């Protein structure tokens, strides 16, 4: 049993459908985890590893139903790789 922060508050992950995905190309390696409740996205976590220098920006947006928040938690450059961690829910 693990708690997940969602648009509906803290929820037990056993009540949610978990979906994972990734993108791997010349510019980035990105992974994400989404949690869904009855067909509604209630949480998304994203980890982006940049493979080359690019311009970074973070924005918040709203779809009219749920506010979106982007929190930049950590950014660093190691051995030519930039790493940015952020969460969106």
N, C-alpha and C. Protein backbone atom coordinates (compact mmCIF):
# COMPACT_ATOMS: atom_id res chain seq x y z
N UNK A 1 0.84 -1.18 0.00
CA UNK A 1 0.00 0.00 0.00
C UNK A 1 0.89 1.24 0.00
N UNK A 2 0.73 2.07 -1.01
CA UNK A 2 1.46 3.33 -1.10
C UNK A 2 0.46 4.44 -1.37
N UNK A 3 0.71 5.60 -0.80
CA UNK A 3 -0.14 6.76 -1.04
C UNK A 3 0.39 7.56 -2.21
N UNK A 4 -0.53 8.04 -3.03
CA UNK A 4 -0.20 8.86 -4.20
C UNK A 4 -0.93 10.19 -4.03
N UNK A 5 -0.21 11.30 -4.24
CA UNK A 5 -0.84 12.62 -4.22
C UNK A 5 -1.57 12.80 -5.55
N UNK A 6 -2.87 13.05 -5.50
CA UNK A 6 -3.68 13.18 -6.71
C UNK A 6 -4.47 14.49 -6.67
N UNK A 7 -5.19 14.73 -7.75
CA UNK A 7 -6.06 15.91 -7.80
C UNK A 7 -7.22 15.78 -6.83
N UNK A 8 -7.40 14.61 -6.28
CA UNK A 8 -8.48 14.36 -5.32
C UNK A 8 -7.94 14.14 -3.91
N UNK A 9 -6.67 14.50 -3.69
CA UNK A 9 -6.02 14.31 -2.40
C UNK A 9 -5.21 13.02 -2.38
N UNK A 10 -4.71 12.65 -1.21
CA UNK A 10 -3.94 11.42 -1.06
C UNK A 10 -4.84 10.22 -1.28
N UNK A 11 -4.37 9.27 -2.11
CA UNK A 11 -5.15 8.05 -2.38
C UNK A 11 -4.24 6.84 -2.34
N UNK A 12 -4.77 5.71 -1.93
CA UNK A 12 -4.07 4.44 -1.96
C UNK A 12 -3.89 4.03 -3.42
N UNK A 13 -2.65 3.66 -3.81
CA UNK A 13 -2.41 3.33 -5.21
C UNK A 13 -3.18 2.09 -5.68
N UNK A 14 -3.63 1.25 -4.75
CA UNK A 14 -4.40 0.06 -5.16
C UNK A 14 -5.78 0.42 -5.72
N UNK A 15 -6.23 1.66 -5.49
CA UNK A 15 -7.52 2.11 -6.00
C UNK A 15 -7.40 2.72 -7.40
N UNK A 16 -6.16 2.88 -7.88
CA UNK A 16 -5.89 3.60 -9.12
C UNK A 16 -5.32 2.68 -10.19
N UNK A 17 -5.55 3.05 -11.46
CA UNK A 17 -4.93 2.37 -12.59
C UNK A 17 -3.62 3.08 -12.88
N UNK A 18 -2.51 2.34 -12.89
CA UNK A 18 -1.19 2.92 -13.14
C UNK A 18 -0.79 2.67 -14.59
N UNK A 19 -0.32 3.74 -15.27
CA UNK A 19 0.18 3.64 -16.64
C UNK A 19 1.57 4.27 -16.67
N UNK A 20 2.49 3.63 -17.40
CA UNK A 20 3.85 4.14 -17.51
C UNK A 20 4.25 4.24 -18.97
N UNK A 21 5.18 5.13 -19.28
CA UNK A 21 5.65 5.27 -20.64
C UNK A 21 7.00 5.94 -20.69
N UNK A 22 7.56 6.01 -21.89
CA UNK A 22 8.86 6.65 -22.07
C UNK A 22 9.04 7.15 -23.49
N UNK A 23 9.98 8.10 -23.64
CA UNK A 23 10.43 8.59 -24.94
C UNK A 23 11.95 8.55 -24.90
N UNK A 24 12.57 8.01 -25.94
CA UNK A 24 14.03 7.96 -26.03
C UNK A 24 14.42 8.38 -27.44
N UNK A 25 15.06 9.55 -27.56
CA UNK A 25 15.49 10.03 -28.87
C UNK A 25 16.84 10.72 -28.72
N UNK A 26 17.30 11.42 -29.76
CA UNK A 26 18.61 12.08 -29.73
C UNK A 26 18.69 13.19 -28.68
N UNK A 27 17.56 13.78 -28.32
CA UNK A 27 17.54 14.92 -27.41
C UNK A 27 17.25 14.58 -25.96
N UNK A 28 16.49 13.51 -25.72
CA UNK A 28 16.01 13.26 -24.36
C UNK A 28 15.72 11.79 -24.11
N UNK A 29 15.74 11.44 -22.83
CA UNK A 29 15.17 10.18 -22.36
C UNK A 29 14.19 10.57 -21.27
N UNK A 30 12.91 10.34 -21.50
CA UNK A 30 11.85 10.78 -20.60
C UNK A 30 11.02 9.57 -20.19
N UNK A 31 10.75 9.47 -18.89
CA UNK A 31 9.84 8.45 -18.39
C UNK A 31 8.73 9.13 -17.62
N UNK A 32 7.55 8.50 -17.58
CA UNK A 32 6.46 9.07 -16.81
C UNK A 32 5.61 7.96 -16.21
N UNK A 33 4.96 8.34 -15.12
CA UNK A 33 4.01 7.46 -14.44
C UNK A 33 2.71 8.26 -14.29
N UNK A 34 1.61 7.66 -14.69
CA UNK A 34 0.29 8.29 -14.54
C UNK A 34 -0.59 7.38 -13.68
N UNK A 35 -1.45 8.00 -12.91
CA UNK A 35 -2.46 7.27 -12.15
C UNK A 35 -3.83 7.78 -12.59
N UNK A 36 -4.73 6.85 -12.89
CA UNK A 36 -6.07 7.15 -13.39
C UNK A 36 -7.11 6.60 -12.44
N UNK A 37 -8.21 7.33 -12.31
CA UNK A 37 -9.35 6.91 -11.50
C UNK A 37 -10.61 7.04 -12.35
N UNK A 38 -11.23 5.93 -12.67
CA UNK A 38 -12.46 5.92 -13.48
C UNK A 38 -12.32 6.72 -14.76
N UNK A 39 -11.20 6.52 -15.47
CA UNK A 39 -10.97 7.20 -16.75
C UNK A 39 -10.48 8.62 -16.66
N UNK A 40 -10.21 9.12 -15.46
CA UNK A 40 -9.74 10.50 -15.26
C UNK A 40 -8.29 10.47 -14.76
N UNK A 41 -7.42 11.22 -15.43
CA UNK A 41 -6.03 11.36 -15.00
C UNK A 41 -6.00 12.16 -13.70
N UNK A 42 -5.44 11.56 -12.64
CA UNK A 42 -5.42 12.24 -11.34
C UNK A 42 -4.00 12.51 -10.84
N UNK A 43 -2.97 11.96 -11.53
CA UNK A 43 -1.58 12.20 -11.16
C UNK A 43 -0.67 11.87 -12.33
N UNK A 44 0.37 12.69 -12.54
CA UNK A 44 1.40 12.40 -13.53
C UNK A 44 2.74 12.85 -12.96
N UNK A 45 3.72 11.95 -12.95
CA UNK A 45 5.09 12.27 -12.56
C UNK A 45 5.98 12.04 -13.78
N UNK A 46 6.92 12.96 -14.02
CA UNK A 46 7.77 12.88 -15.20
C UNK A 46 9.22 13.06 -14.80
N UNK A 47 10.10 12.25 -15.41
CA UNK A 47 11.54 12.39 -15.23
C UNK A 47 12.15 12.56 -16.61
N UNK A 48 12.84 13.69 -16.83
CA UNK A 48 13.43 14.01 -18.12
C UNK A 48 14.94 14.06 -17.98
N UNK A 49 15.66 13.29 -18.81
CA UNK A 49 17.11 13.38 -18.89
C UNK A 49 17.44 13.92 -20.28
N UNK A 50 18.04 15.11 -20.32
CA UNK A 50 18.40 15.73 -21.60
C UNK A 50 19.76 15.21 -22.04
N UNK A 51 19.89 14.88 -23.32
CA UNK A 51 21.13 14.34 -23.85
C UNK A 51 22.03 15.41 -24.46
N UNK A 52 21.46 16.59 -24.71
CA UNK A 52 22.23 17.70 -25.25
C UNK A 52 21.58 19.00 -24.80
N UNK A 53 22.32 20.09 -24.93
CA UNK A 53 21.84 21.38 -24.46
C UNK A 53 20.58 21.81 -25.21
N UNK A 54 19.57 22.22 -24.46
CA UNK A 54 18.34 22.76 -25.01
C UNK A 54 17.87 23.86 -24.07
N UNK A 55 16.95 24.71 -24.54
CA UNK A 55 16.36 25.74 -23.70
C UNK A 55 15.25 25.11 -22.88
N UNK A 56 15.26 25.34 -21.56
CA UNK A 56 14.28 24.76 -20.66
C UNK A 56 13.31 25.82 -20.18
N UNK A 57 12.05 25.44 -20.01
CA UNK A 57 11.08 26.32 -19.38
C UNK A 57 10.04 25.46 -18.69
N UNK A 58 9.43 26.00 -17.65
CA UNK A 58 8.38 25.28 -16.94
C UNK A 58 7.17 26.20 -16.86
N UNK A 59 5.99 25.65 -17.11
CA UNK A 59 4.77 26.45 -17.10
C UNK A 59 3.67 25.69 -16.40
N UNK A 60 2.72 26.42 -15.87
CA UNK A 60 1.50 25.81 -15.35
C UNK A 60 0.36 26.16 -16.28
N UNK A 61 -0.62 25.28 -16.35
CA UNK A 61 -1.77 25.53 -17.22
C UNK A 61 -3.00 24.94 -16.57
N UNK A 62 -4.14 25.24 -17.11
CA UNK A 62 -5.38 24.68 -16.59
C UNK A 62 -6.27 24.27 -17.74
N UNK A 63 -6.95 23.14 -17.56
CA UNK A 63 -7.89 22.69 -18.59
C UNK A 63 -9.32 23.12 -18.25
N UNK A 64 -9.47 23.94 -17.21
CA UNK A 64 -10.78 24.40 -16.81
C UNK A 64 -11.40 23.53 -15.73
N UNK A 65 -10.94 22.29 -15.59
CA UNK A 65 -11.47 21.39 -14.58
C UNK A 65 -10.53 21.29 -13.38
N UNK A 66 -9.28 21.04 -13.67
CA UNK A 66 -8.31 20.85 -12.60
C UNK A 66 -7.10 21.76 -12.86
N UNK A 67 -6.65 22.48 -11.86
CA UNK A 67 -5.44 23.28 -12.06
C UNK A 67 -4.25 22.37 -12.25
N UNK A 68 -3.30 22.81 -13.06
CA UNK A 68 -2.07 22.06 -13.27
C UNK A 68 -0.94 22.80 -12.60
N UNK A 69 -0.02 22.07 -12.04
CA UNK A 69 1.13 22.65 -11.40
C UNK A 69 2.38 21.94 -11.89
N UNK A 70 3.42 22.71 -12.18
CA UNK A 70 4.71 22.14 -12.52
C UNK A 70 5.67 22.60 -11.45
N UNK A 71 6.33 21.66 -10.81
CA UNK A 71 7.29 21.98 -9.76
C UNK A 71 8.66 21.53 -10.23
N UNK A 72 9.58 22.47 -10.44
CA UNK A 72 10.94 22.09 -10.80
C UNK A 72 11.65 21.77 -9.49
N UNK A 73 12.05 20.52 -9.35
CA UNK A 73 12.63 20.06 -8.10
C UNK A 73 14.15 20.05 -8.16
N UNK A 74 14.72 19.62 -9.28
CA UNK A 74 16.16 19.46 -9.34
C UNK A 74 16.61 19.59 -10.79
N UNK A 75 17.67 20.34 -11.02
CA UNK A 75 18.28 20.42 -12.34
C UNK A 75 19.79 20.39 -12.17
N UNK A 76 20.49 19.59 -12.96
CA UNK A 76 21.94 19.52 -12.87
C UNK A 76 22.52 19.08 -14.19
N UNK A 77 23.83 19.29 -14.37
CA UNK A 77 24.54 18.84 -15.57
C UNK A 77 25.69 17.97 -15.11
N UNK A 78 25.75 16.75 -15.59
CA UNK A 78 26.84 15.81 -15.30
C UNK A 78 27.33 15.21 -16.60
N UNK A 79 28.62 15.29 -16.85
CA UNK A 79 29.22 14.66 -18.03
C UNK A 79 28.49 15.02 -19.32
N UNK A 80 28.07 16.27 -19.44
CA UNK A 80 27.42 16.72 -20.66
C UNK A 80 25.93 16.43 -20.71
N UNK A 81 25.37 15.77 -19.71
CA UNK A 81 23.95 15.49 -19.66
C UNK A 81 23.27 16.42 -18.66
N UNK A 82 22.16 17.01 -19.06
CA UNK A 82 21.38 17.83 -18.15
C UNK A 82 20.21 16.99 -17.67
N UNK A 83 19.90 17.10 -16.41
CA UNK A 83 18.80 16.33 -15.84
C UNK A 83 17.83 17.27 -15.17
N UNK A 84 16.56 17.15 -15.49
CA UNK A 84 15.51 17.97 -14.92
C UNK A 84 14.42 17.06 -14.40
N UNK A 85 14.05 17.24 -13.14
CA UNK A 85 12.97 16.46 -12.55
C UNK A 85 11.81 17.41 -12.28
N UNK A 86 10.62 17.03 -12.71
CA UNK A 86 9.45 17.84 -12.37
C UNK A 86 8.22 16.95 -12.25
N UNK A 87 7.24 17.44 -11.55
CA UNK A 87 6.00 16.72 -11.36
C UNK A 87 4.83 17.58 -11.82
N UNK A 88 3.83 16.93 -12.35
CA UNK A 88 2.64 17.63 -12.87
C UNK A 88 1.44 16.85 -12.38
N UNK A 89 0.55 17.52 -11.72
CA UNK A 89 -0.73 16.90 -11.33
C UNK A 89 -1.80 17.92 -11.24
